[in-house]
Amino acid sequence: MADGDQVIMQVVDGELHVRPRRDVLKRIQTMLRPYAPESGSVADELIADRRAEAARD
């Protein structure tokens, strides 16, 4: 960690855990990677779904 880094603080079993924000985000991304599509973008899929819904209305 360097001066000025953003951190995430969490109390676990009465202990204060301080972790760099970037490390927490990497961990979350790793956990969610199995649920992401192999190719393409989740955002692009969401936009396409919303446009299809709007076209039906």
N, C-alpha and C. Protein backbone atom coordinates (compact mmCIF):
# COMPACT_ATOMS: atom_id res chain seq x y z
N MET A 1 0.84 -1.17 0.00
CA MET A 1 0.00 0.00 0.00
C MET A 1 0.88 1.23 0.00
N ALA A 2 0.41 2.27 -0.68
CA ALA A 2 1.15 3.52 -0.74
C ALA A 2 0.29 4.64 -0.17
N ASP A 3 0.93 5.71 0.23
CA ASP A 3 0.20 6.87 0.71
C ASP A 3 -0.82 7.31 -0.33
N GLY A 4 -2.03 7.57 0.10
CA GLY A 4 -3.06 8.05 -0.80
C GLY A 4 -3.89 6.96 -1.44
N ASP A 5 -3.52 5.69 -1.27
CA ASP A 5 -4.31 4.59 -1.82
C ASP A 5 -5.67 4.54 -1.12
N GLN A 6 -6.71 4.22 -1.89
CA GLN A 6 -8.02 4.01 -1.30
C GLN A 6 -8.02 2.64 -0.64
N VAL A 7 -8.70 2.55 0.50
CA VAL A 7 -8.74 1.29 1.24
C VAL A 7 -10.17 0.90 1.56
N ILE A 8 -10.35 -0.37 1.85
CA ILE A 8 -11.60 -0.91 2.34
C ILE A 8 -11.34 -1.39 3.76
N MET A 9 -12.19 -0.95 4.69
CA MET A 9 -12.05 -1.37 6.08
C MET A 9 -13.24 -2.23 6.46
N GLN A 10 -12.95 -3.30 7.19
CA GLN A 10 -14.00 -4.23 7.59
C GLN A 10 -13.64 -4.79 8.96
N VAL A 11 -14.64 -4.87 9.83
CA VAL A 11 -14.43 -5.48 11.14
C VAL A 11 -14.83 -6.95 11.03
N VAL A 12 -13.87 -7.83 11.34
CA VAL A 12 -14.09 -9.28 11.29
C VAL A 12 -13.69 -9.86 12.64
N ASP A 13 -14.67 -10.45 13.31
CA ASP A 13 -14.41 -11.05 14.64
C ASP A 13 -13.68 -10.07 15.57
N GLY A 14 -14.12 -8.82 15.57
CA GLY A 14 -13.54 -7.83 16.46
C GLY A 14 -12.22 -7.25 16.01
N GLU A 15 -11.72 -7.65 14.86
CA GLU A 15 -10.46 -7.13 14.32
C GLU A 15 -10.75 -6.23 13.13
N LEU A 16 -10.00 -5.16 13.02
CA LEU A 16 -10.15 -4.26 11.89
C LEU A 16 -9.22 -4.71 10.77
N HIS A 17 -9.79 -5.04 9.62
CA HIS A 17 -9.01 -5.44 8.45
C HIS A 17 -8.99 -4.26 7.49
N VAL A 18 -7.81 -3.86 7.06
CA VAL A 18 -7.65 -2.77 6.11
C VAL A 18 -6.95 -3.33 4.88
N ARG A 19 -7.62 -3.21 3.72
CA ARG A 19 -7.06 -3.74 2.48
C ARG A 19 -7.12 -2.68 1.40
N PRO A 20 -6.14 -2.69 0.50
CA PRO A 20 -6.22 -1.75 -0.62
C PRO A 20 -7.46 -2.05 -1.46
N ARG A 21 -8.13 -1.01 -1.91
CA ARG A 21 -9.35 -1.16 -2.71
C ARG A 21 -9.08 -2.00 -3.96
N ARG A 22 -7.96 -1.79 -4.61
CA ARG A 22 -7.66 -2.52 -5.85
C ARG A 22 -7.58 -4.03 -5.59
N ASP A 23 -7.05 -4.44 -4.44
CA ASP A 23 -6.97 -5.86 -4.11
C ASP A 23 -8.37 -6.45 -3.89
N VAL A 24 -9.24 -5.69 -3.24
CA VAL A 24 -10.60 -6.15 -3.00
C VAL A 24 -11.32 -6.30 -4.34
N LEU A 25 -11.16 -5.33 -5.24
CA LEU A 25 -11.81 -5.41 -6.55
C LEU A 25 -11.29 -6.60 -7.36
N LYS A 26 -9.99 -6.85 -7.32
CA LYS A 26 -9.44 -8.01 -8.04
C LYS A 26 -10.04 -9.31 -7.50
N ARG A 27 -10.19 -9.39 -6.19
CA ARG A 27 -10.76 -10.59 -5.58
C ARG A 27 -12.21 -10.80 -6.02
N ILE A 28 -12.98 -9.72 -6.05
CA ILE A 28 -14.37 -9.81 -6.49
C ILE A 28 -14.44 -10.22 -7.95
N GLN A 29 -13.60 -9.62 -8.80
CA GLN A 29 -13.58 -9.98 -10.21
C GLN A 29 -13.25 -11.45 -10.41
N THR A 30 -12.31 -11.96 -9.65
CA THR A 30 -11.93 -13.37 -9.74
C THR A 30 -13.11 -14.26 -9.35
N MET A 31 -13.84 -13.86 -8.31
CA MET A 31 -14.98 -14.65 -7.85
C MET A 31 -16.10 -14.67 -8.89
N LEU A 32 -16.28 -13.56 -9.62
CA LEU A 32 -17.39 -13.44 -10.57
C LEU A 32 -17.04 -13.91 -11.97
N ARG A 33 -15.76 -14.09 -12.27
CA ARG A 33 -15.32 -14.47 -13.61
C ARG A 33 -16.04 -15.72 -14.15
N PRO A 34 -16.30 -16.76 -13.35
CA PRO A 34 -16.99 -17.93 -13.90
C PRO A 34 -18.40 -17.63 -14.42
N TYR A 35 -18.99 -16.53 -14.00
CA TYR A 35 -20.36 -16.19 -14.41
C TYR A 35 -20.40 -15.25 -15.61
N ALA A 36 -19.25 -14.77 -16.05
CA ALA A 36 -19.19 -13.86 -17.19
C ALA A 36 -19.22 -14.66 -18.48
N PRO A 37 -19.79 -14.07 -19.54
CA PRO A 37 -19.81 -14.78 -20.82
C PRO A 37 -18.40 -14.96 -21.37
N GLU A 38 -18.21 -16.02 -22.14
CA GLU A 38 -16.90 -16.31 -22.73
C GLU A 38 -16.43 -15.18 -23.65
N SER A 39 -17.36 -14.66 -24.43
CA SER A 39 -16.99 -13.59 -25.35
C SER A 39 -18.02 -12.48 -25.25
N GLY A 40 -17.67 -11.33 -25.73
CA GLY A 40 -18.59 -10.21 -25.69
C GLY A 40 -18.55 -9.48 -24.37
N SER A 41 -19.51 -8.63 -24.21
CA SER A 41 -19.56 -7.78 -23.04
C SER A 41 -20.91 -7.93 -22.34
N VAL A 42 -20.88 -8.03 -21.04
CA VAL A 42 -22.11 -8.12 -20.27
C VAL A 42 -22.92 -6.83 -20.47
N ALA A 43 -22.23 -5.70 -20.51
CA ALA A 43 -22.92 -4.42 -20.72
C ALA A 43 -23.60 -4.39 -22.08
N ASP A 44 -22.92 -4.88 -23.12
CA ASP A 44 -23.53 -4.91 -24.45
C ASP A 44 -24.77 -5.81 -24.47
N GLU A 45 -24.70 -6.95 -23.78
CA GLU A 45 -25.86 -7.84 -23.71
C GLU A 45 -27.03 -7.16 -23.00
N LEU A 46 -26.74 -6.46 -21.93
CA LEU A 46 -27.78 -5.76 -21.18
C LEU A 46 -28.43 -4.68 -22.03
N ILE A 47 -27.63 -3.91 -22.74
CA ILE A 47 -28.15 -2.86 -23.61
C ILE A 47 -29.03 -3.47 -24.70
N ALA A 48 -28.59 -4.55 -25.30
CA ALA A 48 -29.37 -5.21 -26.35
C ALA A 48 -30.70 -5.71 -25.78
N ASP A 49 -30.68 -6.29 -24.59
CA ASP A 49 -31.91 -6.76 -23.96
C ASP A 49 -32.88 -5.61 -23.71
N ARG A 50 -32.36 -4.49 -23.22
CA ARG A 50 -33.21 -3.32 -22.93
C ARG A 50 -33.81 -2.75 -24.22
N ARG A 51 -33.03 -2.72 -25.28
CA ARG A 51 -33.53 -2.22 -26.56
C ARG A 51 -34.62 -3.14 -27.11
N ALA A 52 -34.42 -4.45 -26.97
CA ALA A 52 -35.44 -5.40 -27.43
C ALA A 52 -36.73 -5.23 -26.64
N GLU A 53 -36.62 -5.03 -25.33
CA GLU A 53 -37.81 -4.81 -24.50
C GLU A 53 -38.52 -3.54 -24.92
N ALA A 54 -37.77 -2.47 -25.17
CA ALA A 54 -38.37 -1.20 -25.57
C ALA A 54 -39.05 -1.32 -26.92
N ALA A 55 -38.50 -2.11 -27.83
CA ALA A 55 -39.09 -2.29 -29.15
C ALA A 55 -40.42 -3.03 -29.06
N ARG A 56 -40.53 -3.94 -28.08
CA ARG A 56 -41.78 -4.69 -27.89
C ARG A 56 -42.89 -3.83 -27.31
N ASP A 57 -42.52 -2.78 -26.58
CA ASP A 57 -43.52 -1.92 -25.91
C ASP A 57 -44.17 -0.96 -26.83
